[in-house]
Amino acid sequence: MRTLGDALGQARMLTNLGAVFASGNRFDEALAAWRDAIALQERLDDRVGMAYTWHHLSDAQWRMDQREAARASLVTARQLAQELNLISLLGLIDSHPARGA
């Protein structure tokens, strides 16, 4: 994607790669992929992508026992989801354990 100049595709690929890493309990690698994705999404002003990526990041941080970081990431995801009216994401956020802890 980088070679083709497709930054949006690259951000989506990094988000998906992070999910693959997380599903294999490779959370450090997932966090790195999602942070790279967020950096690209910020540059591209892909706020929908960022909202979902921040949610994924929060989930991995929670599983890694990084409670404060998880809460902060979830707050960022919630702010974006509310601004963009992402109802399905707000449902995921509302049910996340970091929200109530």
Protein backbone atom coordinates (compact mmCIF):
# COMPACT_ATOMS: atom_id res chain seq x y z
CA MET A 1 0.00 0.00 0.00
CA ARG A 2 2.82 2.38 0.85
CA THR A 3 4.47 1.70 -2.50
CA LEU A 4 1.22 2.47 -4.29
CA GLY A 5 0.75 5.69 -2.34
CA ASP A 6 -2.49 4.39 -0.84
CA ALA A 7 -2.26 5.84 2.69
CA LEU A 8 -5.91 5.10 3.49
CA GLY A 9 -5.46 1.50 2.42
CA GLN A 10 -2.27 1.32 4.45
CA ALA A 11 -4.10 2.60 7.54
CA ARG A 12 -6.84 0.00 7.06
CA MET A 13 -4.24 -2.71 6.57
CA LEU A 14 -2.49 -1.68 9.80
CA THR A 15 -5.80 -1.73 11.67
CA ASN A 16 -6.52 -5.23 10.38
CA LEU A 17 -2.97 -6.35 11.13
CA GLY A 18 -3.40 -5.14 14.71
CA ALA A 19 -6.57 -7.23 15.01
CA VAL A 20 -4.71 -10.30 13.76
CA PHE A 21 -1.92 -9.72 16.27
CA ALA A 22 -4.43 -9.21 19.10
CA SER A 23 -6.30 -12.40 18.23
CA GLY A 24 -2.99 -14.24 18.68
CA ASN A 25 -2.35 -12.50 22.02
CA ARG A 26 0.52 -10.56 20.46
CA PHE A 27 -0.59 -7.32 22.08
CA ASP A 28 2.69 -5.39 21.85
CA GLU A 29 2.66 -5.86 18.10
CA ALA A 30 -1.05 -5.00 17.95
CA LEU A 31 -0.46 -1.76 19.86
CA ALA A 32 2.37 -0.80 17.51
CA ALA A 33 0.24 -1.48 14.41
CA TRP A 34 -2.70 0.50 15.80
CA ARG A 35 -0.54 3.45 16.81
CA ASP A 36 0.86 3.55 13.27
CA ALA A 37 -2.68 3.32 11.90
CA ILE A 38 -3.85 6.20 14.11
CA ALA A 39 -0.93 8.35 12.96
CA LEU A 40 -1.94 7.78 9.32
CA GLN A 41 -5.63 8.27 10.08
CA GLU A 42 -4.88 11.58 11.79
CA ARG A 43 -2.88 12.73 8.79
CA LEU A 44 -5.73 11.72 6.49
CA ASP A 45 -8.43 13.07 8.82
CA ASP A 46 -10.06 9.62 8.79
CA ARG A 47 -12.07 10.20 11.97
CA VAL A 48 -14.25 7.11 11.54
CA GLY A 49 -11.18 4.92 11.20
CA MET A 50 -9.60 6.58 14.23
CA ALA A 51 -12.69 5.99 16.37
CA TYR A 52 -12.60 2.25 15.70
CA THR A 53 -8.83 2.03 16.03
CA TRP A 54 -8.88 3.84 19.38
CA HIS A 55 -11.48 1.29 20.54
CA HIS A 56 -9.25 -1.60 19.46
CA LEU A 57 -6.28 0.04 21.15
CA SER A 58 -8.26 0.38 24.38
CA ASP A 59 -9.24 -3.27 24.32
CA ALA A 60 -5.63 -4.41 23.92
CA GLN A 61 -4.45 -2.06 26.66
CA TRP A 62 -7.14 -3.43 28.96
CA ARG A 63 -6.03 -7.01 28.26
CA MET A 64 -2.44 -5.99 28.97
CA ASP A 65 -3.55 -4.60 32.35
CA GLN A 66 -2.80 -1.02 31.26
CA ARG A 67 -6.01 0.19 32.87
CA GLU A 68 -5.45 3.97 32.78
CA ALA A 69 -4.25 3.89 29.17
CA ALA A 70 -7.26 1.74 28.24
CA ARG A 71 -9.66 4.21 29.85
CA ALA A 72 -8.00 7.16 28.10
CA SER A 73 -8.14 5.43 24.73
CA LEU A 74 -11.79 4.53 25.29
CA VAL A 75 -12.60 8.17 26.10
CA THR A 76 -11.02 9.23 22.80
CA ALA A 77 -12.96 6.53 20.93
CA ARG A 78 -16.20 7.64 22.61
CA GLN A 79 -15.66 11.31 21.76
CA LEU A 80 -15.12 10.51 18.11
CA ALA A 81 -18.01 8.03 18.01
CA GLN A 82 -20.38 10.58 19.54
CA GLU A 83 -19.28 13.36 17.17
CA LEU A 84 -19.75 11.06 14.18
CA ASN A 85 -22.90 9.36 15.51
CA LEU A 86 -21.38 5.88 15.22
CA ILE A 87 -24.17 4.05 17.04
CA SER A 88 -22.73 0.55 16.68
CA LEU A 89 -19.35 1.65 18.03
CA LEU A 90 -21.00 3.47 20.93
CA GLY A 91 -22.69 0.17 21.81
CA LEU A 92 -19.32 -1.58 21.88
CA ILE A 93 -17.84 1.19 24.00
CA ASP A 94 -20.74 1.10 26.45
CA SER A 95 -20.23 -2.62 27.01
CA HIS A 96 -16.44 -2.44 27.36
CA PRO A 97 -15.12 -3.30 30.84
CA ALA A 98 -12.81 -0.25 30.82
CA ARG A 99 -15.85 2.02 30.73
CA GLY A 100 -17.18 1.03 34.09
CA ALA A 101 -13.95 0.37 35.94
